[in-house]
Amino acid sequence: MNLNYRTKNKKINIPKFNLKDLIIFLIPLIIFLFYLYIYNPGILTYDSFNQLHQIATGNFNNWQPFFHTFIEMVCIKIYASPVTIGVVQILSFSIIWTLICKYNRNDDLETKKYFFMQVILTFTISLIPINALYSITLWKDVLFSYLVLLLCLLIQVMLDRNAELDIGFVIIMSLIMACIAQLRFNGIYNILMLLIILCIFLYKNNKPQKMYIIIPVLTIIFIMVISSLSVVYEVEDTHKDGVFAKVMHMLADYDLNLDLSKNDRDMIHKVISKKQIKEKYNIYYTDPIRDSSNRSAYDNNRSEYIKMAIKYSIQHPKHFIKYMLGSSAMVWDITRDEDWIGKQYYINEDGANLQNSKEHFYSKKNETPTASYEEVFEVNKGTEKYDIINSFAYLTKENRILDTLFNSPALYMYLAFILMVGIYLITKSKNIFLIYLPNLLNILTVAISTPIQDNRYLYANLLVFYLLVIIFINVLSKRES
């Protein structure tokens, strides 16, 4: 039994845009635009000003993935304000969500109550502050998460078509995967693993069409084209080495907690001193250890440090598991601990703290703003309407019950697993587990590499769960019809 009731031979005919689609589209669009109006010109953090300054000066680096900086630059050229970026993100989510609801709804059948369920879910999603706030936050992770959601939908379509794909669909799917690979540093690993699995699936299910060759080739071509932007714009390489950060953080933990040989301890202390390890180590935060480590000393014996980390992880498996669970606590723990370093979203009791983020960036970099959109200020801060909306958003972040209910990536991961099992028991289709695969791979790479317990790294957990709820509503509709 397929997850979509329109499957007929090789094609799925989707009706044209209609009033129901317009209703679904307008709900998040209006609510998110209202948040953008309240928080005008959007929620900007240290990272945001870093990218805006690169755009203003024309001196680019890959401290943040340049592809995302390039997208922001295109938005800024349309209208010289961060507001434009927020509008593009809002439109992206609204369009993707409308496509999800439309694909998982049959307007030819009498399913008014199931459309009503889609509307209620859409309202609920739009009113949850994290979704509205992320839609107006200038982060690479937001667009990345939206595209992961879209990719899960495309895999659903691929499965419903029994792997019989036309070239237009393949081009779109390959382009989305290429964008995901270039929007975040862990994206390339997610997509490479996904391509391997998809190729095996396509080879087994549709060998004659040779899509198991075409899709990876197209995806790699698109990745190379996007990567070439860095050459065109002469992007300086300042990217933080994730392997270096993780290995040194792991060895710092082992130095503090395990019985290491004297030679190994001495080797670790050549990169970072014993005193610095004691002062800087925090299991939830890798940056202080990374920033205190001697990178050149590490590079001279890179393979030896990696081997050392692997060796002690194998020798002490219980501690290794404890370390991995602790260093990526947000992945596994449903409730946020007060000791975690990192946030759900970047507002406080007073508001979005745009001014503090701006001053922090420019004072740390010894720079001054070079364009009008870098000198932005919060237009509505201090007004009654701003305080009402911000108080509501702040409450859902600070109240432990509401935070867990609305924001917890781990909770939505576990709920997704439960819901997938439920859908499988009803449909007897294993396809549902493949649909979740892009997000599962993101969870795994984040669990290995997360530098801080920021919800944004696993925001896709929430979005893909919403998709599964829509699919579940679709399944209920199919049973009734």
Protein backbone atom coordinates (compact mmCIF):
# COMPACT_ATOMS: atom_id res chain seq x y z
CA MET A 1 0.00 0.00 0.00
CA ASN A 2 1.52 3.33 -1.06
CA LEU A 3 1.31 6.45 1.08
CA ASN A 4 -0.45 8.43 -1.65
CA TYR A 5 -3.78 7.45 -3.18
CA ARG A 6 -3.17 9.12 -6.56
CA THR A 7 -0.60 6.59 -7.77
CA LYS A 8 -1.56 5.34 -11.22
CA ASN A 9 1.12 3.58 -13.21
CA LYS A 10 4.15 5.86 -13.49
CA LYS A 11 2.56 9.27 -13.01
CA ILE A 12 0.95 11.14 -10.16
CA ASN A 13 -1.39 13.83 -11.40
CA ILE A 14 -1.66 16.66 -8.90
CA PRO A 15 -4.56 19.11 -9.36
CA LYS A 16 -3.92 22.78 -10.01
CA PHE A 17 -3.60 25.40 -7.29
CA ASN A 18 -7.00 26.02 -5.66
CA LEU A 19 -8.67 27.87 -2.78
CA LYS A 20 -7.65 25.22 -0.24
CA ASP A 21 -4.02 25.67 -1.24
CA LEU A 22 -4.35 29.44 -0.91
CA ILE A 23 -5.72 29.07 2.63
CA ILE A 24 -2.85 26.79 3.65
CA PHE A 25 -0.32 29.15 2.02
CA LEU A 26 -1.66 32.30 3.65
CA ILE A 27 -1.74 31.02 7.23
CA PRO A 28 2.04 30.84 7.84
CA LEU A 29 2.67 33.70 5.42
CA ILE A 30 0.48 36.16 7.36
CA ILE A 31 1.54 35.04 10.84
CA PHE A 32 5.25 34.98 10.02
CA LEU A 33 5.07 38.34 8.24
CA PHE A 34 3.41 39.74 11.36
CA TYR A 35 6.38 38.49 13.41
CA LEU A 36 8.72 40.09 10.87
CA TYR A 37 6.82 43.35 11.27
CA ILE A 38 7.04 43.15 15.07
CA TYR A 39 10.75 42.23 15.10
CA ASN A 40 11.55 44.44 12.09
CA PRO A 41 14.13 44.08 10.50
CA GLY A 42 14.36 40.48 11.77
CA ILE A 43 16.40 38.57 14.34
CA LEU A 44 20.11 39.04 13.70
CA THR A 45 22.90 37.36 15.66
CA TYR A 46 26.69 37.58 15.62
CA ASP A 47 26.74 35.25 12.61
CA SER A 48 24.24 37.46 10.80
CA PHE A 49 26.38 40.59 11.14
CA ASN A 50 29.43 38.62 10.07
CA GLN A 51 27.73 37.77 6.78
CA LEU A 52 26.22 41.24 6.29
CA HIS A 53 29.63 42.78 6.76
CA GLN A 54 31.12 40.47 4.13
CA ILE A 55 28.38 41.53 1.71
CA ALA A 56 28.95 45.21 2.48
CA THR A 57 32.73 45.08 2.04
CA GLY A 58 32.90 42.54 -0.78
CA ASN A 59 35.58 40.66 1.18
CA PHE A 60 34.23 37.15 1.60
CA ASN A 61 35.28 34.20 3.75
CA ASN A 62 33.83 30.78 4.50
CA TRP A 63 33.55 31.15 8.27
CA GLN A 64 29.89 30.60 7.40
CA PRO A 65 29.16 28.55 4.25
CA PHE A 66 29.60 31.01 1.40
CA PHE A 67 26.61 29.68 -0.53
CA HIS A 68 24.32 31.02 2.20
CA THR A 69 26.15 34.36 2.21
CA PHE A 70 25.67 34.45 -1.57
CA ILE A 71 21.92 33.86 -1.21
CA GLU A 72 21.73 36.67 1.34
CA MET A 73 23.70 38.91 -1.01
CA VAL A 74 21.18 38.28 -3.80
CA CYS A 75 18.34 39.14 -1.40
CA ILE A 76 20.11 42.33 -0.31
CA LYS A 77 20.48 43.39 -3.95
CA ILE A 78 16.70 43.16 -4.36
CA TYR A 79 16.16 45.49 -1.40
CA ALA A 80 18.96 46.69 0.86
CA SER A 81 17.61 45.44 4.16
CA PRO A 82 17.74 42.19 6.18
CA VAL A 83 13.94 42.27 5.92
CA THR A 84 14.30 40.89 2.38
CA ILE A 85 16.05 37.76 3.67
CA GLY A 86 13.25 37.24 6.18
CA VAL A 87 10.62 37.55 3.45
CA VAL A 88 12.43 34.99 1.28
CA GLN A 89 12.58 32.53 4.19
CA ILE A 90 8.90 33.05 4.98
CA LEU A 91 7.92 32.49 1.35
CA SER A 92 10.13 29.38 1.21
CA PHE A 93 8.42 27.75 4.16
CA SER A 94 4.91 28.77 3.07
CA ILE A 95 5.42 27.33 -0.44
CA ILE A 96 7.01 24.09 0.79
CA TRP A 97 4.30 23.57 3.39
CA THR A 98 1.55 24.22 0.82
CA LEU A 99 3.12 21.61 -1.49
CA ILE A 100 3.23 19.11 1.38
CA CYS A 101 -0.42 19.62 2.26
CA LYS A 102 -1.54 19.57 -1.39
CA TYR A 103 0.36 16.41 -2.23
CA ASN A 104 -1.09 14.62 0.79
CA ARG A 105 -4.66 15.66 0.08
CA ASN A 106 -7.14 14.50 -2.57
CA ASP A 107 -9.52 17.33 -3.38
CA ASP A 108 -11.56 15.02 -5.63
CA LEU A 109 -12.79 13.12 -2.57
CA GLU A 110 -15.10 14.36 0.15
CA THR A 111 -12.40 14.93 2.75
CA LYS A 112 -13.46 18.26 4.26
CA LYS A 113 -12.68 17.16 7.80
CA TYR A 114 -9.18 16.09 6.76
CA PHE A 115 -8.58 19.43 5.06
CA PHE A 116 -9.82 21.04 8.24
CA MET A 117 -7.27 18.97 10.16
CA GLN A 118 -4.55 20.28 7.81
CA VAL A 119 -5.72 23.85 8.52
CA ILE A 120 -5.69 23.31 12.29
CA LEU A 121 -2.21 21.80 12.15
CA THR A 122 -0.97 24.67 9.95
CA PHE A 123 -2.36 27.24 12.40
CA THR A 124 -0.77 25.42 15.33
CA ILE A 125 2.63 25.22 13.61
CA SER A 126 2.48 28.89 12.66
CA LEU A 127 1.57 30.01 16.17
CA ILE A 128 4.37 28.08 17.86
CA PRO A 129 6.98 30.82 18.42
CA ILE A 130 10.05 28.83 17.38
CA ASN A 131 8.67 28.44 13.84
CA ALA A 132 7.77 32.10 13.45
CA LEU A 133 11.03 33.30 15.02
CA TYR A 134 13.22 31.01 12.92
CA SER A 135 11.50 32.18 9.75
CA ILE A 136 12.82 35.70 10.45
CA THR A 137 16.23 34.74 11.85
CA LEU A 138 19.19 35.22 9.50
CA TRP A 139 20.75 31.78 9.92
CA LYS A 140 21.94 29.23 7.38
CA ASP A 141 20.28 26.56 9.52
CA VAL A 142 16.79 27.87 8.75
CA LEU A 143 16.97 27.51 4.97
CA PHE A 144 18.90 24.25 5.42
CA SER A 145 16.07 22.83 7.53
CA TYR A 146 13.42 23.97 5.05
CA LEU A 147 15.23 22.16 2.24
CA VAL A 148 15.60 18.99 4.33
CA LEU A 149 11.82 19.12 4.76
CA LEU A 150 11.36 19.57 1.00
CA LEU A 151 13.75 16.70 0.27
CA CYS A 152 11.71 14.39 2.50
CA LEU A 153 8.63 15.31 0.45
CA LEU A 154 10.49 14.62 -2.81
CA ILE A 155 11.52 11.20 -1.52
CA GLN A 156 7.87 10.52 -0.71
CA VAL A 157 6.95 11.41 -4.30
CA MET A 158 9.78 9.23 -5.63
CA LEU A 159 8.57 6.26 -3.60
CA ASP A 160 4.95 6.76 -4.64
CA ARG A 161 6.08 6.74 -8.27
CA ASN A 162 7.78 3.39 -7.66
CA ALA A 163 11.11 4.98 -8.66
CA GLU A 164 9.76 5.79 -12.17
CA LEU A 165 11.16 9.33 -12.44
CA ASP A 166 11.09 11.92 -15.21
CA ILE A 167 14.12 14.09 -15.86
CA GLY A 168 12.48 17.28 -14.56
CA PHE A 169 11.84 15.70 -11.18
CA VAL A 170 15.38 14.31 -11.07
CA ILE A 171 16.89 17.74 -11.81
CA ILE A 172 14.87 19.36 -9.01
CA MET A 173 15.75 16.62 -6.54
CA SER A 174 19.46 16.73 -7.41
CA LEU A 175 19.51 20.53 -7.14
CA ILE A 176 17.87 20.45 -3.70
CA MET A 177 20.42 17.89 -2.49
CA ALA A 178 23.26 20.01 -3.84
CA CYS A 179 21.93 23.08 -2.03
CA ILE A 180 21.66 21.13 1.23
CA ALA A 181 25.25 19.93 0.77
CA GLN A 182 26.48 23.53 0.43
CA LEU A 183 24.29 25.31 2.99
CA ARG A 184 25.89 23.78 6.07
CA PHE A 185 29.22 22.10 6.67
CA ASN A 186 27.70 18.78 7.73
CA GLY A 187 25.37 18.92 4.71
CA ILE A 188 27.91 17.39 2.32
CA TYR A 189 28.27 14.29 4.53
CA ASN A 190 24.48 13.97 4.84
CA ILE A 191 24.03 14.07 1.08
CA LEU A 192 26.89 11.70 0.26
CA MET A 193 25.44 9.07 2.61
CA LEU A 194 21.94 9.69 1.25
CA LEU A 195 23.14 9.30 -2.35
CA ILE A 196 24.65 5.91 -1.55
CA ILE A 197 21.39 4.67 -0.03
CA LEU A 198 19.24 6.14 -2.80
CA CYS A 199 21.45 4.62 -5.48
CA ILE A 200 21.12 1.17 -3.92
CA PHE A 201 17.34 1.63 -3.73
CA LEU A 202 17.06 2.85 -7.35
CA TYR A 203 19.35 0.10 -8.61
CA LYS A 204 17.19 -2.56 -6.99
CA ASN A 205 13.85 -1.05 -7.96
CA ASN A 206 14.42 0.56 -11.34
CA LYS A 207 17.67 -0.54 -12.92
CA PRO A 208 16.62 0.05 -16.58
CA GLN A 209 15.98 3.76 -16.05
CA LYS A 210 19.57 4.21 -14.76
CA MET A 211 18.52 6.88 -12.27
CA TYR A 212 20.97 5.33 -9.83
CA ILE A 213 23.65 6.84 -12.09
CA ILE A 214 21.91 10.03 -13.23
CA ILE A 215 20.92 11.34 -9.79
CA PRO A 216 24.40 11.19 -8.17
CA VAL A 217 26.08 12.55 -11.30
CA LEU A 218 23.67 15.50 -11.50
CA THR A 219 23.95 16.16 -7.77
CA ILE A 220 27.75 16.23 -7.87
CA ILE A 221 27.68 18.53 -10.92
CA PHE A 222 25.37 20.94 -9.08
CA ILE A 223 27.59 20.79 -5.98
CA MET A 224 30.63 21.67 -8.10
CA VAL A 225 28.78 24.57 -9.75
CA ILE A 226 27.76 25.98 -6.37
CA SER A 227 31.30 25.48 -5.02
CA SER A 228 32.69 27.45 -7.96
CA LEU A 229 31.04 30.57 -6.51
CA SER A 230 33.82 30.60 -3.91
CA VAL A 231 36.38 30.89 -6.70
CA VAL A 232 34.45 33.60 -8.55
CA TYR A 233 34.14 35.73 -5.40
CA GLU A 234 37.66 34.93 -4.11
CA VAL A 235 36.41 33.57 -0.80
CA GLU A 236 39.09 33.37 1.90
CA ASP A 237 39.36 30.04 3.70
CA THR A 238 38.69 30.67 7.41
CA HIS A 239 36.48 27.63 7.96
CA LYS A 240 36.68 26.05 11.39
CA ASP A 241 37.90 22.45 11.10
CA GLY A 242 35.17 20.37 12.69
CA VAL A 243 37.38 17.28 13.00
CA PHE A 244 40.08 19.31 14.77
CA ALA A 245 37.52 20.76 17.20
CA LYS A 246 35.91 17.40 17.97
CA VAL A 247 39.19 15.47 18.35
CA MET A 248 40.69 18.05 20.71
CA HIS A 249 37.49 18.27 22.75
CA MET A 250 37.39 14.48 23.02
CA LEU A 251 41.05 14.24 24.02
CA ALA A 252 40.56 17.00 26.60
CA ASP A 253 37.76 14.95 28.11
CA TYR A 254 39.90 11.80 28.10
CA ASP A 255 42.81 13.70 29.64
CA LEU A 256 40.55 14.73 32.52
CA ASN A 257 38.76 11.43 33.05
CA LEU A 258 40.80 8.46 31.79
CA ASP A 259 44.08 6.81 32.67
CA LEU A 260 46.24 7.75 29.67
CA SER A 261 49.85 6.83 29.06
CA LYS A 262 52.43 9.50 29.89
CA ASN A 263 53.47 9.80 26.24
CA ASP A 264 49.89 10.37 25.13
CA ARG A 265 49.28 12.97 27.84
CA ASP A 266 52.45 14.80 26.89
CA MET A 267 51.40 14.73 23.26
CA ILE A 268 47.97 16.19 24.12
CA HIS A 269 49.58 18.91 26.22
CA LYS A 270 51.71 19.97 23.27
CA VAL A 271 48.49 21.15 21.63
CA ILE A 272 46.67 22.39 24.73
CA SER A 273 48.08 22.69 28.24
CA LYS A 274 46.75 20.84 31.25
CA LYS A 275 45.79 24.16 32.84
CA GLN A 276 43.82 25.25 29.81
CA ILE A 277 42.00 21.93 29.67
CA LYS A 278 40.87 22.35 33.29
CA GLU A 279 39.82 25.95 32.72
CA LYS A 280 38.25 25.67 29.30
CA TYR A 281 36.66 22.24 29.13
CA ASN A 282 32.86 22.12 29.04
CA ILE A 283 31.20 18.96 27.75
CA TYR A 284 28.44 20.98 26.09
CA TYR A 285 30.71 23.45 24.27
CA THR A 286 33.69 22.63 22.04
CA ASP A 287 34.78 26.13 20.98
CA PRO A 288 36.80 27.11 24.11
CA ILE A 289 38.99 24.02 23.77
CA ARG A 290 39.34 24.51 20.02
CA ASP A 291 40.24 28.19 20.39
CA SER A 292 42.84 27.41 23.07
CA SER A 293 44.52 24.63 21.10
CA ASN A 294 47.69 25.04 19.05
CA ARG A 295 46.48 24.29 15.54
CA SER A 296 49.95 24.04 13.98
CA ALA A 297 51.06 21.49 16.60
CA TYR A 298 47.94 19.47 15.86
CA ASP A 299 48.47 19.65 12.09
CA ASN A 300 52.02 18.33 12.45
CA ASN A 301 50.65 15.07 13.90
CA ARG A 302 47.03 15.12 12.82
CA SER A 303 46.75 11.39 12.14
CA GLU A 304 48.33 10.52 15.50
CA TYR A 305 45.81 12.61 17.44
CA ILE A 306 42.91 11.07 15.53
CA LYS A 307 44.30 7.58 16.16
CA MET A 308 44.68 8.41 19.85
CA ALA A 309 41.06 9.52 20.12
CA ILE A 310 39.91 6.33 18.38
CA LYS A 311 42.20 4.13 20.50
CA TYR A 312 40.90 5.38 23.86
CA SER A 313 37.31 5.36 22.61
CA ILE A 314 37.67 1.64 21.81
CA GLN A 315 39.49 0.87 25.07
CA HIS A 316 36.87 2.69 27.15
CA PRO A 317 33.55 2.15 25.32
CA LYS A 318 31.36 3.06 28.31
CA HIS A 319 33.08 6.37 28.79
CA PHE A 320 33.03 7.01 25.04
CA ILE A 321 29.25 6.49 24.97
CA LYS A 322 28.87 8.72 28.04
CA TYR A 323 30.97 11.40 26.36
CA MET A 324 29.05 11.24 23.08
CA LEU A 325 25.68 11.37 24.83
CA GLY A 326 26.83 14.29 26.95
CA SER A 327 28.50 16.34 24.22
CA SER A 328 25.38 16.08 22.05
CA ALA A 329 22.81 16.12 24.85
CA MET A 330 20.29 18.07 22.78
CA VAL A 331 20.04 15.14 20.35
CA TRP A 332 18.94 12.65 23.00
CA ASP A 333 17.56 14.52 26.04
CA ILE A 334 13.93 15.58 25.82
CA THR A 335 14.18 18.29 28.48
CA ARG A 336 16.72 21.10 28.23
CA ASP A 337 19.18 21.21 31.12
CA GLU A 338 20.03 24.57 32.68
CA ASP A 339 23.75 23.76 32.32
CA TRP A 340 23.59 23.46 28.53
CA ILE A 341 25.53 26.01 26.54
CA GLY A 342 23.28 27.11 23.68
CA LYS A 343 19.77 28.40 23.16
CA GLN A 344 16.46 27.54 21.58
CA TYR A 345 16.27 30.90 19.80
CA TYR A 346 18.00 34.20 20.40
CA ILE A 347 15.60 36.47 22.25
CA ASN A 348 15.49 37.41 25.92
CA GLU A 349 12.96 39.07 28.19
CA ASP A 350 13.63 42.45 26.58
CA GLY A 351 13.61 41.31 22.96
CA ALA A 352 15.83 40.13 20.14
CA ASN A 353 19.06 41.79 21.36
CA LEU A 354 19.94 42.98 17.87
CA GLN A 355 22.01 45.86 19.21
CA ASN A 356 24.08 43.59 21.48
CA SER A 357 24.76 41.15 18.63
CA LYS A 358 25.88 44.00 16.39
CA GLU A 359 28.15 45.57 19.02
CA HIS A 360 29.62 42.16 19.89
CA PHE A 361 30.58 41.48 16.29
CA TYR A 362 32.06 44.89 15.53
CA SER A 363 33.92 45.26 18.82
CA LYS A 364 35.37 41.76 18.54
CA LYS A 365 36.44 42.30 14.93
CA ASN A 366 37.51 45.94 15.48
CA GLU A 367 35.31 46.89 12.55
CA THR A 368 32.75 49.59 11.88
CA PRO A 369 29.50 49.21 9.92
CA THR A 370 29.99 49.93 6.22
CA ALA A 371 26.42 49.97 4.88
CA SER A 372 22.98 51.10 5.97
CA TYR A 373 21.67 47.54 6.40
CA GLU A 374 24.46 46.88 8.93
CA GLU A 375 23.32 49.81 11.07
CA VAL A 376 19.80 48.48 11.51
CA PHE A 377 17.87 48.89 14.74
CA GLU A 378 14.69 47.29 16.09
CA VAL A 379 11.92 49.56 14.91
CA ASN A 380 9.20 48.41 17.29
CA LYS A 381 11.23 47.57 20.39
CA GLY A 382 9.65 49.01 23.52
CA THR A 383 6.18 49.27 22.03
CA GLU A 384 3.21 47.47 23.58
CA LYS A 385 2.70 45.17 20.59
CA TYR A 386 6.39 44.20 20.63
CA ASP A 387 6.32 43.43 24.36
CA ILE A 388 3.18 41.27 24.04
CA ILE A 389 4.57 39.10 21.22
CA ASN A 390 8.04 38.90 22.77
CA SER A 391 6.64 37.95 26.20
CA PHE A 392 4.72 35.08 24.62
CA ALA A 393 7.78 33.86 22.72
CA TYR A 394 10.00 34.26 25.78
CA LEU A 395 7.54 32.32 27.96
CA THR A 396 7.63 29.27 25.68
CA LYS A 397 11.42 29.31 25.87
CA GLU A 398 11.82 29.77 29.61
CA ASN A 399 8.96 27.62 30.86
CA ARG A 400 10.33 24.08 31.01
CA ILE A 401 7.03 22.38 30.12
CA LEU A 402 6.29 24.68 27.18
CA ASP A 403 9.90 24.55 26.02
CA THR A 404 9.83 20.76 25.99
CA LEU A 405 6.42 20.62 24.31
CA PHE A 406 7.16 23.12 21.53
CA ASN A 407 10.94 23.25 21.08
CA SER A 408 12.61 19.97 22.05
CA PRO A 409 14.36 18.35 19.03
CA ALA A 410 14.69 15.06 20.91
CA LEU A 411 10.98 14.91 21.75
CA TYR A 412 10.05 15.42 18.10
CA MET A 413 12.57 12.79 17.04
CA TYR A 414 11.05 10.20 19.37
CA LEU A 415 7.51 11.20 18.40
CA ALA A 416 8.49 10.84 14.74
CA PHE A 417 9.70 7.27 15.35
CA ILE A 418 6.43 6.41 17.09
CA LEU A 419 4.35 7.98 14.34
CA MET A 420 6.31 6.19 11.61
CA VAL A 421 5.70 2.85 13.30
CA GLY A 422 1.99 3.71 13.51
CA ILE A 423 1.84 4.62 9.81
CA TYR A 424 3.69 1.43 8.92
CA LEU A 425 1.26 -0.72 10.92
CA ILE A 426 -1.65 0.86 9.04
CA THR A 427 -0.18 0.90 5.52
CA LYS A 428 2.32 -1.99 5.72
CA SER A 429 4.60 0.28 3.66
CA LYS A 430 8.25 0.58 4.64
CA ASN A 431 8.44 3.71 2.52
CA ILE A 432 7.70 5.85 5.53
CA PHE A 433 11.12 5.09 7.02
CA LEU A 434 12.92 6.13 3.83
CA ILE A 435 11.04 9.43 3.83
CA TYR A 436 12.62 10.25 7.20
CA LEU A 437 16.12 9.35 6.01
CA PRO A 438 17.41 12.89 5.17
CA ASN A 439 16.58 14.04 8.68
CA LEU A 440 17.95 10.90 10.31
CA LEU A 441 21.30 11.45 8.59
CA ASN A 442 21.30 15.05 9.81
CA ILE A 443 20.66 13.85 13.36
CA LEU A 444 23.61 11.45 13.14
CA THR A 445 26.09 14.03 11.81
CA VAL A 446 24.94 16.63 14.34
CA ALA A 447 25.33 14.06 17.15
CA ILE A 448 28.95 13.59 16.13
CA SER A 449 29.86 17.21 15.47
CA THR A 450 27.58 19.62 17.34
CA PRO A 451 29.70 22.40 18.94
CA ILE A 452 26.90 23.79 21.14
CA GLN A 453 23.37 22.86 22.20
CA ASP A 454 21.54 25.24 19.85
CA ASN A 455 18.13 24.00 18.67
CA ARG A 456 18.78 25.39 15.18
CA TYR A 457 21.08 22.46 14.34
CA LEU A 458 18.15 20.05 14.75
CA TYR A 459 15.30 22.33 13.75
CA ALA A 460 14.51 19.92 10.91
CA ASN A 461 13.37 17.42 13.59
CA LEU A 462 10.33 19.59 14.23
CA LEU A 463 9.58 20.27 10.58
CA VAL A 464 9.80 16.64 9.43
CA PHE A 465 7.56 15.56 12.32
CA TYR A 466 4.96 18.02 11.04
CA LEU A 467 5.28 16.36 7.62
CA LEU A 468 4.68 12.95 9.19
CA VAL A 469 1.52 14.25 10.84
CA ILE A 470 0.26 15.41 7.44
CA ILE A 471 1.07 11.98 6.00
CA PHE A 472 -0.80 10.36 8.90
CA ILE A 473 -3.84 12.52 8.15
CA ASN A 474 -3.51 11.42 4.52
CA VAL A 475 -3.43 7.77 5.59
CA LEU A 476 -6.59 8.24 7.67
CA SER A 477 -8.28 9.87 4.69
CA LYS A 478 -7.30 6.95 2.44
CA ARG A 479 -8.72 4.41 4.87
CA GLU A 480 -12.02 6.21 5.02
CA SER A 481 -12.28 6.70 1.26
